[in-house]
Amino acid sequence: MNNVVILADGEFPEHPSVVKLLESSDAIVCCDGAAENLITFGIVPYAIVGDMDSLSTEMQLKYQALIHADSDQETNDLTKAFHYTLSLNPGKITILGATGAREDHTLGNISLIADYIKMSDAEVEMHTNFGKFIAINKKTTLMLPVGSQISVFAIDTNIRIKSKGLKYKLDSVVFDSWWKGTLNETTEESISLDFESGRVILYIAY
């Protein structure tokens, strides 16, 4: 499958471009409780993955053929769904619904994409109703419209980044706090972030 969506049980897609991502996917893998929202929306998922603690008994019985239960408490349902999705050999993995509910879940889920890009050659993005997160671990060039709002979060605090095409250069930034690389703006269509190695998450607002 080329494009697989993982739908987590946070804020359901509402932004038109995010709804389009949901509707145009080749398959949708739901983190257990998200299945109810998706089915109410009018789409039956390809698979339902997780420990099933947030999926009603009625739904578990009705859609038992789609369920891939995983009771491992050393990881969360999003990662369980990601591992299952890898078995489908996707070219792209789009994560939706991973933010907007409990803040601790939101922070945890966002941080995970920095680990996910190491697990697969597939392109991985996380979209919300306000923007998208992508993770990078090496020098990267992005094409974005001039004036795009972008924030840079370094998971590894020893990273030093040389930037080109941003209103506020990152060259002297010490990433010892999450706010340090936030609320930036592109001044060129091509922006580059140059660093040796490490885990970096970018947020690009719609």
C-alpha atoms as a PDB file:
ATOM      1  CA  MET A   1       0.000   0.000   0.000  1.00  0.00           C
ATOM      2  CA  ASN A   2       1.325   3.414  -0.896  1.00  0.00           C
ATOM      3  CA  ASN A   3      -0.350   5.722   1.636  1.00  0.00           C
ATOM      4  CA  VAL A   4      -1.588   4.474   5.005  1.00  0.00           C
ATOM      5  CA  VAL A   5      -3.225   6.703   7.601  1.00  0.00           C
ATOM      6  CA  ILE A   6      -2.934   5.964  11.309  1.00  0.00           C
ATOM      7  CA  LEU A   7      -5.840   7.541  13.172  1.00  0.00           C
ATOM      8  CA  ALA A   8      -5.270   8.087  16.885  1.00  0.00           C
ATOM      9  CA  ASP A   9      -8.000   8.796  19.433  1.00  0.00           C
ATOM     10  CA  GLY A  10      -7.399  12.529  19.831  1.00  0.00           C
ATOM     11  CA  GLU A  11      -8.990  15.435  18.003  1.00  0.00           C
ATOM     12  CA  PHE A  12     -10.762  14.121  14.907  1.00  0.00           C
ATOM     13  CA  PRO A  13      -9.772  15.676  11.551  1.00  0.00           C
ATOM     14  CA  GLU A  14     -11.785  18.801  10.717  1.00  0.00           C
ATOM     15  CA  HIS A  15      -9.513  20.947   8.556  1.00  0.00           C
ATOM     16  CA  PRO A  16     -10.470  20.330   4.891  1.00  0.00           C
ATOM     17  CA  SER A  17      -6.954  19.302   3.851  1.00  0.00           C
ATOM     18  CA  VAL A  18      -6.698  16.860   6.769  1.00  0.00           C
ATOM     19  CA  VAL A  19     -10.102  15.347   6.017  1.00  0.00           C
ATOM     20  CA  LYS A  20      -8.904  14.892   2.435  1.00  0.00           C
ATOM     21  CA  LEU A  21      -5.850  12.994   3.713  1.00  0.00           C
ATOM     22  CA  LEU A  22      -8.178  10.710   5.651  1.00  0.00           C
ATOM     23  CA  GLU A  23     -10.541  10.094   2.757  1.00  0.00           C
ATOM     24  CA  SER A  24      -7.874   9.589   0.087  1.00  0.00           C
ATOM     25  CA  SER A  25      -5.731   7.066   1.959  1.00  0.00           C
ATOM     26  CA  ASP A  26      -5.254   3.493   0.752  1.00  0.00           C
ATOM     27  CA  ALA A  27      -5.988   2.154   4.239  1.00  0.00           C
ATOM     28  CA  ILE A  28      -6.766   3.519   7.696  1.00  0.00           C
ATOM     29  CA  VAL A  29      -5.348   1.858  10.795  1.00  0.00           C
ATOM     30  CA  CYS A  30      -7.124   2.982  13.961  1.00  0.00           C
ATOM     31  CA  CYS A  31      -5.814   3.129  17.504  1.00  0.00           C
ATOM     32  CA  ASP A  32      -8.641   1.280  19.252  1.00  0.00           C
ATOM     33  CA  GLY A  33     -11.004   4.047  20.458  1.00  0.00           C
ATOM     34  CA  ALA A  34     -10.530   6.086  17.275  1.00  0.00           C
ATOM     35  CA  ALA A  35     -12.448   3.430  15.359  1.00  0.00           C
ATOM     36  CA  GLU A  36     -15.774   4.585  16.807  1.00  0.00           C
ATOM     37  CA  ASN A  37     -15.230   8.155  15.586  1.00  0.00           C
ATOM     38  CA  LEU A  38     -14.148   6.965  12.154  1.00  0.00           C
ATOM     39  CA  ILE A  39     -17.122   4.646  11.750  1.00  0.00           C
ATOM     40  CA  THR A  40     -19.463   7.432  12.877  1.00  0.00           C
ATOM     41  CA  PHE A  41     -17.813   9.589  10.187  1.00  0.00           C
ATOM     42  CA  GLY A  42     -18.790   6.940   7.653  1.00  0.00           C
ATOM     43  CA  ILE A  43     -15.574   4.986   7.064  1.00  0.00           C
ATOM     44  CA  VAL A  44     -14.787   1.480   8.273  1.00  0.00           C
ATOM     45  CA  PRO A  45     -11.073   1.111   9.113  1.00  0.00           C
ATOM     46  CA  TYR A  46      -8.742  -1.420   7.549  1.00  0.00           C
ATOM     47  CA  ALA A  47      -7.568  -2.479  11.016  1.00  0.00           C
ATOM     48  CA  ILE A  48      -8.043  -1.608  14.690  1.00  0.00           C
ATOM     49  CA  VAL A  49      -4.913  -1.893  16.820  1.00  0.00           C
ATOM     50  CA  GLY A  50      -4.289  -1.473  20.555  1.00  0.00           C
ATOM     51  CA  ASP A  51      -5.110  -2.864  23.969  1.00  0.00           C
ATOM     52  CA  MET A  52      -8.853  -2.239  23.353  1.00  0.00           C
ATOM     53  CA  ASP A  53      -9.295  -0.411  26.652  1.00  0.00           C
ATOM     54  CA  SER A  54     -11.140   2.454  24.931  1.00  0.00           C
ATOM     55  CA  LEU A  55     -13.214   0.487  22.433  1.00  0.00           C
ATOM     56  CA  SER A  56     -16.676  -0.559  23.562  1.00  0.00           C
ATOM     57  CA  THR A  57     -17.521  -4.231  23.932  1.00  0.00           C
ATOM     58  CA  GLU A  58     -20.240  -3.801  21.333  1.00  0.00           C
ATOM     59  CA  MET A  59     -17.758  -2.436  18.800  1.00  0.00           C
ATOM     60  CA  GLN A  60     -15.219  -5.135  19.631  1.00  0.00           C
ATOM     61  CA  LEU A  61     -17.788  -7.817  18.869  1.00  0.00           C
ATOM     62  CA  LYS A  62     -19.095  -6.164  15.719  1.00  0.00           C
ATOM     63  CA  TYR A  63     -15.651  -5.523  14.214  1.00  0.00           C
ATOM     64  CA  GLN A  64     -13.684  -8.385  15.738  1.00  0.00           C
ATOM     65  CA  ALA A  65     -12.352  -9.431  12.316  1.00  0.00           C
ATOM     66  CA  LEU A  66     -10.508  -6.093  12.078  1.00  0.00           C
ATOM     67  CA  ILE A  67      -9.001  -6.145  15.555  1.00  0.00           C
ATOM     68  CA  HIS A  68      -5.312  -6.743  16.226  1.00  0.00           C
ATOM     69  CA  ALA A  69      -5.124  -6.686  20.014  1.00  0.00           C
ATOM     70  CA  ASP A  70      -1.837  -5.880  21.717  1.00  0.00           C
ATOM     71  CA  SER A  71      -1.771  -5.741  25.508  1.00  0.00           C
ATOM     72  CA  ASP A  72       1.887  -4.651  25.797  1.00  0.00           C
ATOM     73  CA  GLN A  73       1.975  -1.874  28.426  1.00  0.00           C
ATOM     74  CA  GLU A  74       5.580  -0.902  27.609  1.00  0.00           C
ATOM     75  CA  THR A  75       4.413   1.118  24.628  1.00  0.00           C
ATOM     76  CA  ASN A  76       1.326   3.109  23.616  1.00  0.00           C
ATOM     77  CA  ASP A  77      -1.411   2.420  21.084  1.00  0.00           C
ATOM     78  CA  LEU A  78       0.062   4.814  18.512  1.00  0.00           C
ATOM     79  CA  THR A  79       3.321   2.869  18.424  1.00  0.00           C
ATOM     80  CA  LYS A  80       1.420  -0.422  18.277  1.00  0.00           C
ATOM     81  CA  ALA A  81      -0.492   0.919  15.280  1.00  0.00           C
ATOM     82  CA  PHE A  82       2.753   2.123  13.706  1.00  0.00           C
ATOM     83  CA  HIS A  83       4.385  -1.289  14.029  1.00  0.00           C
ATOM     84  CA  TYR A  84       1.311  -2.930  12.478  1.00  0.00           C
ATOM     85  CA  THR A  85       1.308  -0.374   9.649  1.00  0.00           C
ATOM     86  CA  LEU A  86       4.920  -1.238   8.815  1.00  0.00           C
ATOM     87  CA  SER A  87       3.744  -4.764   7.986  1.00  0.00           C
ATOM     88  CA  LEU A  88       1.717  -3.257   5.122  1.00  0.00           C
ATOM     89  CA  ASN A  89       4.930  -1.929   3.488  1.00  0.00           C
ATOM     90  CA  PRO A  90       3.620   1.610   2.979  1.00  0.00           C
ATOM     91  CA  GLY A  91       5.448   4.280   1.034  1.00  0.00           C
ATOM     92  CA  LYS A  92       3.975   6.976   3.244  1.00  0.00           C
ATOM     93  CA  ILE A  93       2.516   6.950   6.749  1.00  0.00           C
ATOM     94  CA  THR A  94       0.267   9.844   7.746  1.00  0.00           C
ATOM     95  CA  ILE A  95      -0.654  10.129  11.425  1.00  0.00           C
ATOM     96  CA  LEU A  96      -3.905  11.939  12.258  1.00  0.00           C
ATOM     97  CA  GLY A  97      -5.789  12.500  15.508  1.00  0.00           C
ATOM     98  CA  ALA A  98      -2.646  12.292  17.644  1.00  0.00           C
ATOM     99  CA  THR A  99      -3.118  15.682  19.317  1.00  0.00           C
ATOM    100  CA  GLY A 100      -5.839  17.836  20.819  1.00  0.00           C
ATOM    101  CA  ALA A 101      -7.060  15.682  23.684  1.00  0.00           C
ATOM    102  CA  ARG A 102      -4.993  15.117  26.854  1.00  0.00           C
ATOM    103  CA  GLU A 103      -1.850  17.237  26.772  1.00  0.00           C
ATOM    104  CA  ASP A 104       0.366  14.428  28.046  1.00  0.00           C
ATOM    105  CA  HIS A 105      -0.789  12.196  25.207  1.00  0.00           C
ATOM    106  CA  THR A 106      -0.209  15.038  22.749  1.00  0.00           C
ATOM    107  CA  LEU A 107       3.375  15.662  23.873  1.00  0.00           C
ATOM    108  CA  GLY A 108       4.191  11.966  23.948  1.00  0.00           C
ATOM    109  CA  ASN A 109       2.738  11.324  20.507  1.00  0.00           C
ATOM    110  CA  ILE A 110       4.551  14.256  18.883  1.00  0.00           C
ATOM    111  CA  SER A 111       7.882  13.126  20.303  1.00  0.00           C
ATOM    112  CA  LEU A 112       7.415   9.641  18.865  1.00  0.00           C
ATOM    113  CA  ILE A 113       7.735  10.672  15.222  1.00  0.00           C
ATOM    114  CA  ALA A 114      11.438  11.345  15.846  1.00  0.00           C
ATOM    115  CA  ASP A 115      11.754   7.621  16.631  1.00  0.00           C
ATOM    116  CA  TYR A 116       9.418   6.438  13.871  1.00  0.00           C
ATOM    117  CA  ILE A 117      11.579   7.780  11.044  1.00  0.00           C
ATOM    118  CA  LYS A 118      14.362   5.453  12.195  1.00  0.00           C
ATOM    119  CA  MET A 119      12.109   2.388  11.899  1.00  0.00           C
ATOM    120  CA  SER A 120      11.176   2.629   8.231  1.00  0.00           C
ATOM    121  CA  ASP A 121      12.101   4.110   4.873  1.00  0.00           C
ATOM    122  CA  ALA A 122       8.508   5.328   4.535  1.00  0.00           C
ATOM    123  CA  GLU A 123       7.781   9.043   4.625  1.00  0.00           C
ATOM    124  CA  VAL A 124       6.187   9.879   7.999  1.00  0.00           C
ATOM    125  CA  GLU A 125       4.072  12.948   8.743  1.00  0.00           C
ATOM    126  CA  MET A 126       1.757  13.892  11.597  1.00  0.00           C
ATOM    127  CA  HIS A 127      -1.072  16.285  10.719  1.00  0.00           C
ATOM    128  CA  THR A 128      -3.330  18.223  13.075  1.00  0.00           C
ATOM    129  CA  ASN A 129      -6.155  20.642  12.338  1.00  0.00           C
ATOM    130  CA  PHE A 130      -3.613  23.485  12.442  1.00  0.00           C
ATOM    131  CA  GLY A 131      -0.446  22.196  10.807  1.00  0.00           C
ATOM    132  CA  LYS A 132       1.883  19.252  10.371  1.00  0.00           C
ATOM    133  CA  PHE A 133       4.883  17.755  12.162  1.00  0.00           C
ATOM    134  CA  ILE A 134       7.756  16.057  10.393  1.00  0.00           C
ATOM    135  CA  ALA A 135      10.958  14.644  11.859  1.00  0.00           C
ATOM    136  CA  ILE A 136      14.456  14.857  10.405  1.00  0.00           C
ATOM    137  CA  ASN A 137      17.789  13.398  11.518  1.00  0.00           C
ATOM    138  CA  LYS A 138      20.237  14.908   9.022  1.00  0.00           C
ATOM    139  CA  LYS A 139      20.775  17.915   6.785  1.00  0.00           C
ATOM    140  CA  THR A 140      17.484  18.686   5.087  1.00  0.00           C
ATOM    141  CA  THR A 141      16.196  21.089   2.445  1.00  0.00           C
ATOM    142  CA  LEU A 142      12.488  21.923   2.290  1.00  0.00           C
ATOM    143  CA  MET A 143      10.458  23.785  -0.306  1.00  0.00           C
ATOM    144  CA  LEU A 144       7.828  25.999   1.342  1.00  0.00           C
ATOM    145  CA  PRO A 145       5.963  29.173   0.370  1.00  0.00           C
ATOM    146  CA  VAL A 146       7.647  32.369   1.542  1.00  0.00           C
ATOM    147  CA  GLY A 147       6.074  33.459   4.826  1.00  0.00           C
ATOM    148  CA  SER A 148       5.355  29.934   6.057  1.00  0.00           C
ATOM    149  CA  GLN A 149       5.254  29.675   9.847  1.00  0.00           C
ATOM    150  CA  ILE A 150       7.675  27.055  11.145  1.00  0.00           C
ATOM    151  CA  SER A 151       8.992  25.895  14.516  1.00  0.00           C
ATOM    152  CA  VAL A 152      12.032  23.729  15.198  1.00  0.00           C
ATOM    153  CA  PHE A 153      12.227  21.384  18.188  1.00  0.00           C
ATOM    154  CA  ALA A 154      15.467  19.549  18.974  1.00  0.00           C
ATOM    155  CA  ILE A 155      14.934  16.369  20.969  1.00  0.00           C
ATOM    156  CA  ASP A 156      18.691  16.083  21.529  1.00  0.00           C
ATOM    157  CA  THR A 157      19.825  19.250  23.302  1.00  0.00           C
ATOM    158  CA  ASN A 158      23.422  19.094  22.047  1.00  0.00           C
ATOM    159  CA  ILE A 159      22.380  19.682  18.430  1.00  0.00           C
ATOM    160  CA  ARG A 160      23.631  22.815  16.671  1.00  0.00           C
ATOM    161  CA  ILE A 161      21.826  23.787  13.482  1.00  0.00           C
ATOM    162  CA  LYS A 162      22.871  26.112  10.674  1.00  0.00           C
ATOM    163  CA  SER A 163      19.838  27.477   8.884  1.00  0.00           C
ATOM    164  CA  LYS A 164      19.209  29.182   5.561  1.00  0.00           C
ATOM    165  CA  GLY A 165      15.958  30.773   4.454  1.00  0.00           C
ATOM    166  CA  LEU A 166      14.552  31.537   7.917  1.00  0.00           C
ATOM    167  CA  LYS A 167      13.741  34.980   9.321  1.00  0.00           C
ATOM    168  CA  TYR A 168      15.517  34.123  12.580  1.00  0.00           C
ATOM    169  CA  LYS A 169      18.748  32.177  12.025  1.00  0.00           C
ATOM    170  CA  LEU A 170      19.319  29.116  14.191  1.00  0.00           C
ATOM    171  CA  ASP A 171      23.124  29.145  13.974  1.00  0.00           C
ATOM    172  CA  SER A 172      23.705  30.371  17.532  1.00  0.00           C
ATOM    173  CA  VAL A 173      20.677  28.758  19.174  1.00  0.00           C
ATOM    174  CA  VAL A 174      21.322  26.409  22.091  1.00  0.00           C
ATOM    175  CA  PHE A 175      18.356  24.024  22.130  1.00  0.00           C
ATOM    176  CA  ASP A 176      18.140  23.584  25.895  1.00  0.00           C
ATOM    177  CA  SER A 177      14.446  24.473  26.043  1.00  0.00           C
ATOM    178  CA  TRP A 178      11.575  23.576  23.716  1.00  0.00           C
ATOM    179  CA  TRP A 179      10.646  27.178  22.910  1.00  0.00           C
ATOM    180  CA  LYS A 180      14.088  28.098  21.564  1.00  0.00           C
ATOM    181  CA  GLY A 181      13.413  27.368  17.875  1.00  0.00           C
ATOM    182  CA  THR A 182       9.717  28.187  17.755  1.00  0.00           C
ATOM    183  CA  LEU A 183       7.676  30.827  15.915  1.00  0.00           C
ATOM    184  CA  ASN A 184      10.002  31.288  12.960  1.00  0.00           C
ATOM    185  CA  GLU A 185       9.126  32.202   9.379  1.00  0.00           C
ATOM    186  CA  THR A 186      10.485  31.351   5.946  1.00  0.00           C
ATOM    187  CA  THR A 187      12.013  34.148   3.863  1.00  0.00           C
ATOM    188  CA  GLU A 188      12.839  31.988   0.844  1.00  0.00           C
ATOM    189  CA  GLU A 189      11.053  29.147  -0.914  1.00  0.00           C
ATOM    190  CA  SER A 190      14.001  26.849  -0.207  1.00  0.00           C
ATOM    191  CA  ILE A 191      15.077  26.500   3.419  1.00  0.00           C
ATOM    192  CA  SER A 192      17.903  24.322   4.689  1.00  0.00           C
ATOM    193  CA  LEU A 193      18.714  22.972   8.133  1.00  0.00           C
ATOM    194  CA  ASP A 194      22.258  21.665   8.406  1.00  0.00           C
ATOM    195  CA  PHE A 195      23.385  19.525  11.356  1.00  0.00           C
ATOM    196  CA  GLU A 196      25.552  16.473  11.895  1.00  0.00           C
ATOM    197  CA  SER A 197      23.054  14.100  13.481  1.00  0.00           C
ATOM    198  CA  GLY A 198      20.289  13.940  16.067  1.00  0.00           C
ATOM    199  CA  ARG A 199      16.534  14.123  16.334  1.00  0.00           C
ATOM    200  CA  VAL A 200      14.721  17.241  15.166  1.00  0.00           C
ATOM    201  CA  ILE A 201      10.971  17.798  14.822  1.00  0.00           C
ATOM    202  CA  LEU A 202       9.580  20.522  12.590  1.00  0.00           C
ATOM    203  CA  TYR A 203       6.123  22.035  12.877  1.00  0.00           C
ATOM    204  CA  ILE A 204       4.760  23.796   9.782  1.00  0.00           C
ATOM    205  CA  ALA A 205       1.498  25.686  10.208  1.00  0.00           C
ATOM    206  CA  TYR A 206      -1.185  25.590   7.521  1.00  0.00           C
END
